[in-house]
Amino acid sequence: LNVSSGNSHMIGPEREQKLEQWKLLAEQFNAAFIVEKQGKRKP
């Protein structure tokens, strides 16, 4: 699970690259990869 808050210190391309790395690892490990927007909720 990655909770996307929209206020990460990473800029767009860096963030997308990280997400892609995590997706690839998830595929290798047969894991479900979830990106959830935080919105007004606490993490």
Full PDB file with SEQRES, HELIX, SHEET, SSBOND, CRYST1, ORIGX, SCALE, CONECT and MASTER records, all heavy atoms in Angstrom:
SEQRES   1 A   43  LEU ASN VAL SER SER GLY ASN SER HIS MET ILE GLY PRO          
SEQRES   2 A   43  GLU ARG GLU GLN LYS LEU GLU GLN TRP LYS LEU LEU ALA          
SEQRES   3 A   43  GLU GLN PHE ASN ALA ALA PHE ILE VAL GLU LYS GLN GLY          
SEQRES   4 A   43  LYS ARG LYS PRO                                              
HELIX    1 AA1 GLY A   12  GLN A   28  1                                  17    
SHEET    1 AA1 2 ASN A   2  SER A   4  0                                        
SHEET    2 AA1 2 VAL A  35  LYS A  37  1                                        
CRYST1    1.000    1.000    1.000  90.00  90.00  90.00 P 1           1          
ORIGX1      1.000000  0.000000  0.000000        0.00000                         
ORIGX2      0.000000  1.000000  0.000000        0.00000                         
ORIGX3      0.000000  0.000000  1.000000        0.00000                         
SCALE1      1.000000  0.000000  0.000000        0.00000                         
SCALE2      0.000000  1.000000  0.000000        0.00000                         
SCALE3      0.000000  0.000000  1.000000        0.00000                         
ATOM      1  N   LEU A   1       0.827  -1.206   0.000  1.00  0.00           N  
ATOM      2  CA  LEU A   1       0.000   0.000   0.000  1.00  0.00           C  
ATOM      3  C   LEU A   1       0.857   1.251   0.000  1.00  0.00           C  
ATOM      4  O   LEU A   1       1.783   1.397   0.803  1.00  0.00           O  
ATOM      5  CB  LEU A   1      -0.913   0.012   1.242  1.00  0.00           C  
ATOM      6  CG  LEU A   1      -1.664   1.318   1.518  1.00  0.00           C  
ATOM      7  CD1 LEU A   1      -2.687   1.594   0.414  1.00  0.00           C  
ATOM      8  CD2 LEU A   1      -2.344   1.268   2.886  1.00  0.00           C  
ATOM      9  N   ASN A   2       0.525   2.164  -0.906  1.00  0.00           N  
ATOM     10  CA  ASN A   2       1.105   3.507  -0.890  1.00  0.00           C  
ATOM     11  C   ASN A   2      -0.023   4.514  -0.709  1.00  0.00           C  
ATOM     12  O   ASN A   2      -0.965   4.537  -1.496  1.00  0.00           O  
ATOM     13  CB  ASN A   2       1.867   3.801  -2.187  1.00  0.00           C  
ATOM     14  CG  ASN A   2       2.296   5.261  -2.277  1.00  0.00           C  
ATOM     15  OD1 ASN A   2       1.852   5.988  -3.153  1.00  0.00           O  
ATOM     16  ND2 ASN A   2       3.152   5.687  -1.374  1.00  0.00           N  
ATOM     17  N   VAL A   3       0.072   5.311   0.354  1.00  0.00           N  
ATOM     18  CA  VAL A   3      -0.917   6.355   0.604  1.00  0.00           C  
ATOM     19  C   VAL A   3      -0.427   7.623  -0.073  1.00  0.00           C  
ATOM     20  O   VAL A   3       0.596   8.197   0.317  1.00  0.00           O  
ATOM     21  CB  VAL A   3      -1.123   6.585   2.118  1.00  0.00           C  
ATOM     22  CG1 VAL A   3      -2.154   7.685   2.326  1.00  0.00           C  
ATOM     23  CG2 VAL A   3      -1.566   5.301   2.796  1.00  0.00           C  
ATOM     24  N   SER A   4      -1.140   8.055  -1.088  1.00  0.00           N  
ATOM     25  CA  SER A   4      -0.737   9.229  -1.866  1.00  0.00           C  
ATOM     26  C   SER A   4      -1.352  10.479  -1.259  1.00  0.00           C  
ATOM     27  O   SER A   4      -2.574  10.658  -1.277  1.00  0.00           O  
ATOM     28  CB  SER A   4      -1.194   9.061  -3.322  1.00  0.00           C  
ATOM     29  OG  SER A   4      -0.890  10.204  -4.067  1.00  0.00           O  
ATOM     30  N   SER A   5      -0.486  11.331  -0.721  1.00  0.00           N  
ATOM     31  CA  SER A   5      -0.972  12.535  -0.035  1.00  0.00           C  
ATOM     32  C   SER A   5      -0.954  13.765  -0.927  1.00  0.00           C  
ATOM     33  O   SER A   5      -1.578  14.771  -0.619  1.00  0.00           O  
ATOM     34  CB  SER A   5      -0.121  12.806   1.206  1.00  0.00           C  
ATOM     35  OG  SER A   5       1.214  13.077   0.820  1.00  0.00           O  
ATOM     36  N   GLY A   6      -0.184  13.705  -2.022  1.00  0.00           N  
ATOM     37  CA  GLY A   6      -0.105  14.851  -2.915  1.00  0.00           C  
ATOM     38  C   GLY A   6       0.853  15.919  -2.459  1.00  0.00           C  
ATOM     39  O   GLY A   6       1.132  16.875  -3.174  1.00  0.00           O  
ATOM     40  N   ASN A   7       1.419  15.767  -1.246  1.00  0.00           N  
ATOM     41  CA  ASN A   7       2.378  16.769  -0.761  1.00  0.00           C  
ATOM     42  C   ASN A   7       3.758  16.173  -0.534  1.00  0.00           C  
ATOM     43  O   ASN A   7       4.507  16.608   0.319  1.00  0.00           O  
ATOM     44  CB  ASN A   7       1.866  17.431   0.529  1.00  0.00           C  
ATOM     45  CG  ASN A   7       1.672  16.413   1.649  1.00  0.00           C  
ATOM     46  OD1 ASN A   7       1.904  15.227   1.454  1.00  0.00           O  
ATOM     47  ND2 ASN A   7       1.234  16.880   2.804  1.00  0.00           N  
ATOM     48  N   SER A   8       4.075  15.102  -1.327  1.00  0.00           N  
ATOM     49  CA  SER A   8       5.389  14.478  -1.219  1.00  0.00           C  
ATOM     50  C   SER A   8       6.481  15.460  -1.632  1.00  0.00           C  
ATOM     51  O   SER A   8       6.268  16.331  -2.473  1.00  0.00           O  
ATOM     52  CB  SER A   8       5.445  13.233  -2.104  1.00  0.00           C  
ATOM     53  OG  SER A   8       6.771  12.799  -2.272  1.00  0.00           O  
ATOM     54  N   HIS A   9       7.668  15.286  -1.051  1.00  0.00           N  
ATOM     55  CA  HIS A   9       8.810  16.125  -1.418  1.00  0.00           C  
ATOM     56  C   HIS A   9       9.302  15.807  -2.822  1.00  0.00           C  
ATOM     57  O   HIS A   9      10.061  16.552  -3.401  1.00  0.00           O  
ATOM     58  CB  HIS A   9       9.952  15.921  -0.422  1.00  0.00           C  
ATOM     59  CG  HIS A   9      10.541  14.542  -0.458  1.00  0.00           C  
ATOM     60  ND1 HIS A   9       9.886  13.458   0.077  1.00  0.00           N  
ATOM     61  CD2 HIS A   9      11.698  14.070  -0.991  1.00  0.00           C  
ATOM     62  CE1 HIS A   9      10.623  12.371  -0.110  1.00  0.00           C  
ATOM     63  NE2 HIS A   9      11.721  12.714  -0.761  1.00  0.00           N  
ATOM     64  N   MET A  10       8.842  14.673  -3.374  1.00  0.00           N  
ATOM     65  CA  MET A  10       9.275  14.279  -4.718  1.00  0.00           C  
ATOM     66  C   MET A  10       8.407  14.963  -5.780  1.00  0.00           C  
ATOM     67  O   MET A  10       7.189  15.062  -5.618  1.00  0.00           O  
ATOM     68  CB  MET A  10       9.163  12.762  -4.904  1.00  0.00           C  
ATOM     69  CG  MET A  10      10.279  11.998  -4.242  1.00  0.00           C  
ATOM     70  SD  MET A  10      10.240  10.274  -4.756  1.00  0.00           S  
ATOM     71  CE  MET A  10      11.748   9.677  -4.017  1.00  0.00           C  
ATOM     72  N   ILE A  11       9.030  15.381  -6.858  1.00  0.00           N  
ATOM     73  CA  ILE A  11       8.288  15.948  -7.966  1.00  0.00           C  
ATOM     74  C   ILE A  11       7.677  14.828  -8.800  1.00  0.00           C  
ATOM     75  O   ILE A  11       8.043  13.666  -8.654  1.00  0.00           O  
ATOM     76  CB  ILE A  11       9.187  16.863  -8.836  1.00  0.00           C  
ATOM     77  CG1 ILE A  11      10.360  16.055  -9.423  1.00  0.00           C  
ATOM     78  CG2 ILE A  11       9.672  18.066  -8.048  1.00  0.00           C  
ATOM     79  CD1 ILE A  11      11.200  16.855 -10.408  1.00  0.00           C  
ATOM     80  N   GLY A  12       6.758  15.201  -9.716  1.00  0.00           N  
ATOM     81  CA  GLY A  12       5.984  14.223 -10.480  1.00  0.00           C  
ATOM     82  C   GLY A  12       6.759  13.072 -11.082  1.00  0.00           C  
ATOM     83  O   GLY A  12       6.477  11.907 -10.778  1.00  0.00           O  
ATOM     84  N   PRO A  13       7.759  13.310 -11.952  1.00  0.00           N  
ATOM     85  CA  PRO A  13       8.487  12.209 -12.599  1.00  0.00           C  
ATOM     86  C   PRO A  13       9.183  11.285 -11.610  1.00  0.00           C  
ATOM     87  O   PRO A  13       9.209  10.069 -11.797  1.00  0.00           O  
ATOM     88  CB  PRO A  13       9.517  12.943 -13.479  1.00  0.00           C  
ATOM     89  CG  PRO A  13       8.935  14.291 -13.712  1.00  0.00           C  
ATOM     90  CD  PRO A  13       8.186  14.639 -12.461  1.00  0.00           C  
ATOM     91  N   GLU A  14       9.766  11.864 -10.534  1.00  0.00           N  
ATOM     92  CA  GLU A  14      10.443  11.036  -9.524  1.00  0.00           C  
ATOM     93  C   GLU A  14       9.442  10.127  -8.827  1.00  0.00           C  
ATOM     94  O   GLU A  14       9.702   8.951  -8.579  1.00  0.00           O  
ATOM     95  CB  GLU A  14      11.122  11.935  -8.488  1.00  0.00           C  
ATOM     96  CG  GLU A  14      12.366  12.646  -8.971  1.00  0.00           C  
ATOM     97  CD  GLU A  14      12.985  13.514  -7.892  1.00  0.00           C  
ATOM     98  OE1 GLU A  14      12.249  14.346  -7.317  1.00  0.00           O  
ATOM     99  OE2 GLU A  14      14.179  13.346  -7.607  1.00  0.00           O  
ATOM    100  N   ARG A  15       8.276  10.708  -8.528  1.00  0.00           N  
ATOM    101  CA  ARG A  15       7.240   9.937  -7.836  1.00  0.00           C  
ATOM    102  C   ARG A  15       6.757   8.791  -8.715  1.00  0.00           C  
ATOM    103  O   ARG A  15       6.574   7.659  -8.254  1.00  0.00           O  
ATOM    104  CB  ARG A  15       6.097  10.876  -7.465  1.00  0.00           C  
ATOM    105  CG  ARG A  15       5.073  10.269  -6.504  1.00  0.00           C  
ATOM    106  CD  ARG A  15       4.244  11.311  -5.787  1.00  0.00           C  
ATOM    107  NE  ARG A  15       3.594  12.227  -6.723  1.00  0.00           N  
ATOM    108  CZ  ARG A  15       3.745  13.543  -6.700  1.00  0.00           C  
ATOM    109  NH1 ARG A  15       4.540  14.101  -5.809  1.00  0.00           N  
ATOM    110  NH2 ARG A  15       3.116  14.304  -7.564  1.00  0.00           N  
ATOM    111  N   GLU A  16       6.547   9.092  -9.994  1.00  0.00           N  
ATOM    112  CA  GLU A  16       6.093   8.062 -10.934  1.00  0.00           C  
ATOM    113  C   GLU A  16       7.125   6.950 -11.083  1.00  0.00           C  
ATOM    114  O   GLU A  16       6.785   5.772 -11.193  1.00  0.00           O  
ATOM    115  CB  GLU A  16       5.799   8.690 -12.299  1.00  0.00           C  
ATOM    116  CG  GLU A  16       4.544   9.544 -12.331  1.00  0.00           C  
ATOM    117  CD  GLU A  16       3.302   8.776 -11.913  1.00  0.00           C  
ATOM    118  OE1 GLU A  16       3.114   7.645 -12.399  1.00  0.00           O  
ATOM    119  OE2 GLU A  16       2.539   9.298 -11.075  1.00  0.00           O  
ATOM    120  N   GLN A  17       8.406   7.329 -11.082  1.00  0.00           N  
ATOM    121  CA  GLN A  17       9.478   6.335 -11.197  1.00  0.00           C  
ATOM    122  C   GLN A  17       9.489   5.406  -9.983  1.00  0.00           C  
ATOM    123  O   GLN A  17       9.662   4.199 -10.113  1.00  0.00           O  
ATOM    124  CB  GLN A  17      10.831   7.051 -11.323  1.00  0.00           C  
ATOM    125  CG  GLN A  17      11.989   6.099 -11.659  1.00  0.00           C  
ATOM    126  CD  GLN A  17      13.296   6.830 -11.825  1.00  0.00           C  
ATOM    127  OE1 GLN A  17      13.430   8.003 -11.494  1.00  0.00           O  
ATOM    128  NE2 GLN A  17      14.295   6.147 -12.356  1.00  0.00           N  
ATOM    129  N   LYS A  18       9.282   5.998  -8.800  1.00  0.00           N  
ATOM    130  CA  LYS A  18       9.223   5.188  -7.573  1.00  0.00           C  
ATOM    131  C   LYS A  18       8.047   4.224  -7.635  1.00  0.00           C  
ATOM    132  O   LYS A  18       8.174   3.034  -7.320  1.00  0.00           O  
ATOM    133  CB  LYS A  18       9.076   6.091  -6.346  1.00  0.00           C  
ATOM    134  CG  LYS A  18      10.388   6.509  -5.723  1.00  0.00           C  
ATOM    135  CD  LYS A  18      11.043   5.317  -5.028  1.00  0.00           C  
ATOM    136  CE  LYS A  18      12.387   5.716  -4.451  1.00  0.00           C  
ATOM    137  NZ  LYS A  18      13.147   4.545  -3.977  1.00  0.00           N  
ATOM    138  N   LEU A  19       6.899   4.726  -8.022  1.00  0.00           N  
ATOM    139  CA  LEU A  19       5.706   3.880  -8.117  1.00  0.00           C  
ATOM    140  C   LEU A  19       5.931   2.724  -9.083  1.00  0.00           C  
ATOM    141  O   LEU A  19       5.519   1.595  -8.821  1.00  0.00           O  
ATOM    142  CB  LEU A  19       4.501   4.712  -8.570  1.00  0.00           C  
ATOM    143  CG  LEU A  19       3.842   5.605  -7.512  1.00  0.00           C  
ATOM    144  CD1 LEU A  19       2.835   6.548  -8.162  1.00  0.00           C  
ATOM    145  CD2 LEU A  19       3.169   4.774  -6.430  1.00  0.00           C  
ATOM    146  N   GLU A  20       6.624   3.017 -10.196  1.00  0.00           N  
ATOM    147  CA  GLU A  20       6.904   1.975 -11.179  1.00  0.00           C  
ATOM    148  C   GLU A  20       7.816   0.904 -10.598  1.00  0.00           C  
ATOM    149  O   GLU A  20       7.620  -0.299 -10.834  1.00  0.00           O  
ATOM    150  CB  GLU A  20       7.539   2.598 -12.428  1.00  0.00           C  
ATOM    151  CG  GLU A  20       7.517   1.705 -13.657  1.00  0.00           C  
ATOM    152  CD  GLU A  20       6.131   1.247 -14.060  1.00  0.00           C  
ATOM    153  OE1 GLU A  20       5.171   2.046 -13.945  1.00  0.00           O  
ATOM    154  OE2 GLU A  20       6.001   0.078 -14.464  1.00  0.00           O  
ATOM    155  N   GLN A  21       8.830   1.321  -9.811  1.00  0.00           N  
ATOM    156  CA  GLN A  21       9.735   0.372  -9.150  1.00  0.00           C  
ATOM    157  C   GLN A  21       8.948  -0.536  -8.201  1.00  0.00           C  
ATOM    158  O   GLN A  21       9.155  -1.752  -8.168  1.00  0.00           O  
ATOM    159  CB  GLN A  21      10.810   1.122  -8.363  1.00  0.00           C  
ATOM    160  CG  GLN A  21      11.873   1.773  -9.227  1.00  0.00           C  
ATOM    161  CD  GLN A  21      12.865   2.577  -8.410  1.00  0.00           C  
ATOM    162  OE1 GLN A  21      12.808   2.612  -7.177  1.00  0.00           O  
ATOM    163  NE2 GLN A  21      13.786   3.250  -9.082  1.00  0.00           N  
ATOM    164  N   TRP A  22       8.049   0.057  -7.440  1.00  0.00           N  
ATOM    165  CA  TRP A  22       7.255  -0.730  -6.493  1.00  0.00           C  
ATOM    166  C   TRP A  22       6.316  -1.692  -7.218  1.00  0.00           C  
ATOM    167  O   TRP A  22       6.120  -2.827  -6.786  1.00  0.00           O  
ATOM    168  CB  TRP A  22       6.454   0.199  -5.574  1.00  0.00           C  
ATOM    169  CG  TRP A  22       7.312   1.087  -4.726  1.00  0.00           C  
ATOM    170  CD1 TRP A  22       8.630   0.894  -4.406  1.00  0.00           C  
ATOM    171  CD2 TRP A  22       6.940   2.317  -4.107  1.00  0.00           C  
ATOM    172  NE1 TRP A  22       9.088   1.931  -3.627  1.00  0.00           N  
ATOM    173  CE2 TRP A  22       8.079   2.818  -3.414  1.00  0.00           C  
ATOM    174  CE3 TRP A  22       5.761   3.061  -4.052  1.00  0.00           C  
ATOM    175  CZ2 TRP A  22       8.064   4.003  -2.693  1.00  0.00           C  
ATOM    176  CZ3 TRP A  22       5.741   4.242  -3.329  1.00  0.00           C  
ATOM    177  CH2 TRP A  22       6.869   4.707  -2.661  1.00  0.00           C  
ATOM    178  N   LYS A  23       5.742  -1.235  -8.324  1.00  0.00           N  
ATOM    179  CA  LYS A  23       4.857  -2.114  -9.101  1.00  0.00           C  
ATOM    180  C   LYS A  23       5.615  -3.324  -9.639  1.00  0.00           C  
ATOM    181  O   LYS A  23       5.110  -4.444  -9.619  1.00  0.00           O  
ATOM    182  CB  LYS A  23       4.243  -1.330 -10.273  1.00  0.00           C  
ATOM    183  CG  LYS A  23       3.139  -0.365  -9.862  1.00  0.00           C  
ATOM    184  CD  LYS A  23       2.640   0.424 -11.069  1.00  0.00           C  
ATOM    185  CE  LYS A  23       1.639   1.495 -10.653  1.00  0.00           C  
ATOM    186  NZ  LYS A  23       1.235   2.346 -11.807  1.00  0.00           N  
ATOM    187  N   LEU A  24       6.842  -3.088 -10.127  1.00  0.00           N  
ATOM    188  CA  LEU A  24       7.660  -4.180 -10.645  1.00  0.00           C  
ATOM    189  C   LEU A  24       7.988  -5.187  -9.546  1.00  0.00           C  
ATOM    190  O   LEU A  24       7.928  -6.402  -9.767  1.00  0.00           O  
ATOM    191  CB  LEU A  24       8.946  -3.633 -11.264  1.00  0.00           C  
ATOM    192  CG  LEU A  24       8.785  -2.914 -12.615  1.00  0.00           C  
ATOM    193  CD1 LEU A  24      10.086  -2.233 -13.023  1.00  0.00           C  
ATOM    194  CD2 LEU A  24       8.334  -3.891 -13.693  1.00  0.00           C  
ATOM    195  N   LEU A  25       8.332  -4.690  -8.354  1.00  0.00           N  
ATOM    196  CA  LEU A  25       8.606  -5.594  -7.226  1.00  0.00           C  
ATOM    197  C   LEU A  25       7.351  -6.369  -6.850  1.00  0.00           C  
ATOM    198  O   LEU A  25       7.403  -7.565  -6.569  1.00  0.00           O  
ATOM    199  CB  LEU A  25       9.096  -4.800  -6.012  1.00  0.00           C  
ATOM    200  CG  LEU A  25      10.603  -4.576  -5.885  1.00  0.00           C  
ATOM    201  CD1 LEU A  25      10.921  -3.790  -4.621  1.00  0.00           C  
ATOM    202  CD2 LEU A  25      11.377  -5.880  -5.883  1.00  0.00           C  
ATOM    203  N   ALA A  26       6.210  -5.675  -6.854  1.00  0.00           N  
ATOM    204  CA  ALA A  26       4.949  -6.347  -6.525  1.00  0.00           C  
ATOM    205  C   ALA A  26       4.663  -7.472  -7.512  1.00  0.00           C  
ATOM    206  O   ALA A  26       4.239  -8.566  -7.121  1.00  0.00           O  
ATOM    207  CB  ALA A  26       3.800  -5.329  -6.528  1.00  0.00           C  
ATOM    208  N   GLU A  27       4.917  -7.221  -8.800  1.00  0.00           N  
ATOM    209  CA  GLU A  27       4.710  -8.260  -9.810  1.00  0.00           C  
ATOM    210  C   GLU A  27       5.636  -9.442  -9.577  1.00  0.00           C  
ATOM    211  O   GLU A  27       5.230 -10.602  -9.698  1.00  0.00           O  
ATOM    212  CB  GLU A  27       4.954  -7.675 -11.208  1.00  0.00           C  
ATOM    213  CG  GLU A  27       3.844  -6.753 -11.690  1.00  0.00           C  
ATOM    214  CD  GLU A  27       4.191  -6.077 -13.009  1.00  0.00           C  
ATOM    215  OE1 GLU A  27       5.179  -6.504 -13.647  1.00  0.00           O  
ATOM    216  OE2 GLU A  27       3.492  -5.121 -13.391  1.00  0.00           O  
ATOM    217  N   GLN A  28       6.901  -9.152  -9.249  1.00  0.00           N  
ATOM    218  CA  GLN A  28       7.858 -10.231  -8.986  1.00  0.00           C  
ATOM    219  C   GLN A  28       7.402 -11.105  -7.837  1.00  0.00           C  
ATOM    220  O   GLN A  28       7.583 -12.323  -7.843  1.00  0.00           O  
ATOM    221  CB  GLN A  28       9.228  -9.642  -8.649  1.00  0.00           C  
ATOM    222  CG  GLN A  28      10.006  -9.158  -9.845  1.00  0.00           C  
ATOM    223  CD  GLN A  28      11.453  -8.894  -9.514  1.00  0.00           C  
ATOM    224  OE1 GLN A  28      11.997  -9.461  -8.559  1.00  0.00           O  
ATOM    225  NE2 GLN A  28      12.095  -8.039 -10.280  1.00  0.00           N  
ATOM    226  N   PHE A  29       6.802 -10.470  -6.813  1.00  0.00           N  
ATOM    227  CA  PHE A  29       6.423 -11.197  -5.603  1.00  0.00           C  
ATOM    228  C   PHE A  29       4.958 -11.621  -5.595  1.00  0.00           C  
ATOM    229  O   PHE A  29       4.424 -12.020  -4.553  1.00  0.00           O  
ATOM    230  CB  PHE A  29       6.715 -10.344  -4.363  1.00  0.00           C  
ATOM    231  CG  PHE A  29       8.187 -10.076  -4.144  1.00  0.00           C  
ATOM    232  CD1 PHE A  29       8.625  -8.856  -3.640  1.00  0.00           C  
ATOM    233  CD2 PHE A  29       9.136 -11.038  -4.437  1.00  0.00           C  
ATOM    234  CE1 PHE A  29       9.975  -8.610  -3.421  1.00  0.00           C  
ATOM    235  CE2 PHE A  29      10.486 -10.802  -4.232  1.00  0.00           C  
ATOM    236  CZ  PHE A  29      10.904  -9.585  -3.724  1.00  0.00           C  
ATOM    237  N   ASN A  30       4.291 -11.513  -6.759  1.00  0.00           N  
ATOM    238  CA  ASN A  30       2.870 -11.874  -6.862  1.00  0.00           C  
ATOM    239  C   ASN A  30       2.029 -11.162  -5.803  1.00  0.00           C  
ATOM    240  O   ASN A  30       1.136 -11.753  -5.186  1.00  0.00           O  
ATOM    241  CB  ASN A  30       2.693 -13.396  -6.727  1.00  0.00           C  
ATOM    242  CG  ASN A  30       3.257 -14.144  -7.916  1.00  0.00           C  
ATOM    243  OD1 ASN A  30       3.272 -13.627  -9.027  1.00  0.00           O  
ATOM    244  ND2 ASN A  30       3.743 -15.353  -7.690  1.00  0.00           N  
ATOM    245  N   ALA A  31       2.339  -9.892  -5.568  1.00  0.00           N  
ATOM    246  CA  ALA A  31       1.642  -9.108  -4.552  1.00  0.00           C  
ATOM    247  C   ALA A  31       0.649  -8.157  -5.205  1.00  0.00           C  
ATOM    248  O   ALA A  31       0.832  -7.724  -6.345  1.00  0.00           O  
ATOM    249  CB  ALA A  31       2.654  -8.312  -3.727  1.00  0.00           C  
ATOM    250  N   ALA A  32      -0.411  -7.824  -4.472  1.00  0.00           N  
ATOM    251  CA  ALA A  32      -1.364  -6.810  -4.928  1.00  0.00           C  
ATOM    252  C   ALA A  32      -0.808  -5.437  -4.570  1.00  0.00           C  
ATOM    253  O   ALA A  32      -0.429  -5.203  -3.423  1.00  0.00           O  
ATOM    254  CB  ALA A  32      -2.715  -7.033  -4.251  1.00  0.00           C  
ATOM    255  N   PHE A  33      -0.750  -4.543  -5.562  1.00  0.00           N  
ATOM    256  CA  PHE A  33      -0.209  -3.203  -5.329  1.00  0.00           C  
ATOM    257  C   PHE A  33      -1.359  -2.202  -5.312  1.00  0.00           C  
ATOM    258  O   PHE A  33      -2.140  -2.120  -6.260  1.00  0.00           O  
ATOM    259  CB  PHE A  33       0.807  -2.833  -6.409  1.00  0.00           C  
ATOM    260  CG  PHE A  33       1.467  -1.508  -6.182  1.00  0.00           C  
ATOM    261  CD1 PHE A  33       2.318  -1.322  -5.110  1.00  0.00           C  
ATOM    262  CD2 PHE A  33       1.222  -0.435  -7.036  1.00  0.00           C  
ATOM    263  CE1 PHE A  33       2.932  -0.100  -4.895  1.00  0.00           C  
ATOM    264  CE2 PHE A  33       1.830   0.791  -6.832  1.00  0.00           C  
ATOM    265  CZ  PHE A  33       2.680   0.965  -5.749  1.00  0.00           C  
ATOM    266  N   ILE A  34      -1.467  -1.454  -4.217  1.00  0.00           N  
ATOM    267  CA  ILE A  34      -2.585  -0.531  -4.020  1.00  0.00           C  
ATOM    268  C   ILE A  34      -2.050   0.883  -3.824  1.00  0.00           C  
ATOM    269  O   ILE A  34      -1.196   1.116  -2.958  1.00  0.00           O  
ATOM    270  CB  ILE A  34      -3.419  -0.928  -2.777  1.00  0.00           C  
ATOM    271  CG1 ILE A  34      -3.920  -2.379  -2.893  1.00  0.00           C  
ATOM    272  CG2 ILE A  34      -4.593   0.027  -2.583  1.00  0.00           C  
ATOM    273  CD1 ILE A  34      -4.421  -2.967  -1.594  1.00  0.00           C  
ATOM    274  N   VAL A  35      -2.547   1.825  -4.623  1.00  0.00           N  
ATOM    275  CA  VAL A  35      -2.260   3.244  -4.410  1.00  0.00           C  
ATOM    276  C   VAL A  35      -3.567   3.900  -3.992  1.00  0.00           C  
ATOM    277  O   VAL A  35      -4.550   3.873  -4.742  1.00  0.00           O  
ATOM    278  CB  VAL A  35      -1.697   3.918  -5.670  1.00  0.00           C  
ATOM    279  CG1 VAL A  35      -1.466   5.409  -5.416  1.00  0.00           C  
ATOM    280  CG2 VAL A  35      -0.401   3.255  -6.106  1.00  0.00           C  
ATOM    281  N   GLU A  36      -3.598   4.453  -2.806  1.00  0.00           N  
ATOM    282  CA  GLU A  36      -4.815   5.030  -2.254  1.00  0.00           C  
ATOM    283  C   GLU A  36      -4.604   6.513  -1.965  1.00  0.00           C  
ATOM    284  O   GLU A  36      -3.651   6.893  -1.283  1.00  0.00           O  
ATOM    285  CB  GLU A  36      -5.184   4.295  -0.955  1.00  0.00           C  
ATOM    286  CG  GLU A  36      -6.525   4.672  -0.395  1.00  0.00           C  
ATOM    287  CD  GLU A  36      -7.695   4.010  -1.113  1.00  0.00           C  
ATOM    288  OE1 GLU A  36      -7.452   3.139  -1.977  1.00  0.00           O  
ATOM    289  OE2 GLU A  36      -8.848   4.370  -0.798  1.00  0.00           O  
ATOM    290  N   LYS A  37      -5.480   7.363  -2.503  1.00  0.00           N  
ATOM    291  CA  LYS A  37      -5.372   8.792  -2.236  1.00  0.00           C  
ATOM    292  C   LYS A  37      -5.811   9.088  -0.810  1.00  0.00           C  
ATOM    293  O   LYS A  37      -6.853   8.597  -0.357  1.00  0.00           O  
ATOM    294  CB  LYS A  37      -6.216   9.575  -3.236  1.00  0.00           C  
ATOM    295  CG  LYS A  37      -5.632   9.588  -4.642  1.00  0.00           C  
ATOM    296  CD  LYS A  37      -6.409  10.497  -5.575  1.00  0.00           C  
ATOM    297  CE  LYS A  37      -5.758  10.536  -6.953  1.00  0.00           C  
ATOM    298  NZ  LYS A  37      -6.512  11.381  -7.902  1.00  0.00           N  
ATOM    299  N   GLN A  38      -5.025   9.919  -0.144  1.00  0.00           N  
ATOM    300  CA  GLN A  38      -5.302  10.216   1.264  1.00  0.00           C  
ATOM    301  C   GLN A  38      -6.535  11.100   1.424  1.00  0.00           C  
ATOM    302  O   GLN A  38      -7.362  10.871   2.319  1.00  0.00           O  
ATOM    303  CB  GLN A  38      -4.090  10.906   1.900  1.00  0.00           C  
ATOM    304  CG  GLN A  38      -4.279  11.230   3.375  1.00  0.00           C  
ATOM    305  CD  GLN A  38      -3.049  11.903   3.977  1.00  0.00           C  
ATOM    306  OE1 GLN A  38      -1.948  11.707   3.486  1.00  0.00           O  
ATOM    307  NE2 GLN A  38      -3.247  12.685   5.016  1.00  0.00           N  
ATOM    308  N   GLY A  39      -6.654  12.093   0.560  1.00  0.00           N  
ATOM    309  CA  GLY A  39      -7.768  13.030   0.686  1.00  0.00           C  
ATOM    310  C   GLY A  39      -7.725  13.748   2.024  1.00  0.00           C  
ATOM    311  O   GLY A  39      -6.670  14.225   2.454  1.00  0.00           O  
ATOM    312  N   LYS A  40      -8.849  13.797   2.704  1.00  0.00           N  
ATOM    313  CA  LYS A  40      -8.927  14.481   4.003  1.00  0.00           C  
ATOM    314  C   LYS A  40      -8.706  13.525   5.164  1.00  0.00           C  
ATOM    315  O   LYS A  40      -8.808  13.912   6.330  1.00  0.00           O  
ATOM    316  CB  LYS A  40     -10.287  15.169   4.136  1.00  0.00           C  
ATOM    317  CG  LYS A  40     -10.487  16.300   3.130  1.00  0.00           C  
ATOM    318  CD  LYS A  40     -11.829  16.980   3.324  1.00  0.00           C  
ATOM    319  CE  LYS A  40     -12.004  18.119   2.312  1.00  0.00           C  
ATOM    320  NZ  LYS A  40     -13.316  18.795   2.473  1.00  0.00           N  
ATOM    321  N   ARG A  41      -8.421  12.278   4.835  1.00  0.00           N  
ATOM    322  CA  ARG A  41      -8.211  11.280   5.896  1.00  0.00           C  
ATOM    323  C   ARG A  41      -6.782  11.338   6.429  1.00  0.00           C  
ATOM    324  O   ARG A  41      -5.852  11.759   5.733  1.00  0.00           O  
ATOM    325  CB  ARG A  41      -8.479   9.875   5.358  1.00  0.00           C  
ATOM    326  CG  ARG A  41      -9.900   9.633   4.899  1.00  0.00           C  
ATOM    327  CD  ARG A  41     -10.027   8.287   4.189  1.00  0.00           C  
ATOM    328  NE  ARG A  41      -9.301   8.262   2.917  1.00  0.00           N  
ATOM    329  CZ  ARG A  41      -9.207   7.199   2.134  1.00  0.00           C  
ATOM    330  NH1 ARG A  41      -9.779   6.059   2.504  1.00  0.00           N  
ATOM    331  NH2 ARG A  41      -8.555   7.258   1.000  1.00  0.00           N  
ATOM    332  N   LYS A  42      -6.610  10.863   7.649  1.00  0.00           N  
ATOM    333  CA  LYS A  42      -5.254  10.660   8.188  1.00  0.00           C  
ATOM    334  C   LYS A  42      -4.704   9.385   7.562  1.00  0.00           C  
ATOM    335  O   LYS A  42      -5.460   8.469   7.233  1.00  0.00           O  
ATOM    336  CB  LYS A  42      -5.290  10.523   9.709  1.00  0.00           C  
ATOM    337  CG  LYS A  42      -5.697  11.786  10.439  1.00  0.00           C  
ATOM    338  CD  LYS A  42      -5.715  11.546  11.933  1.00  0.00           C  
ATOM    339  CE  LYS A  42      -6.109  12.816  12.679  1.00  0.00           C  
ATOM    340  NZ  LYS A  42      -6.161  12.592  14.142  1.00  0.00           N  
ATOM    341  N   PRO A  43      -3.363   9.297   7.411  1.00  0.00           N  
ATOM    342  CA  PRO A  43      -2.778   8.077   6.844  1.00  0.00           C  
ATOM    343  C   PRO A  43      -3.200   6.816   7.595  1.00  0.00           C  
ATOM    344  O   PRO A  43      -3.445   5.784   6.966  1.00  0.00           O  
ATOM    345  CB  PRO A  43      -1.275   8.330   6.978  1.00  0.00           C  
ATOM    346  CG  PRO A  43      -1.149   9.810   6.928  1.00  0.00           C  
ATOM    347  CD  PRO A  43      -2.355  10.335   7.649  1.00  0.00           C  
TER     348      PRO A  43                                                      
MASTER        0    0    0    1    2    0    0    6  347    1    0    4          
END                                                                             
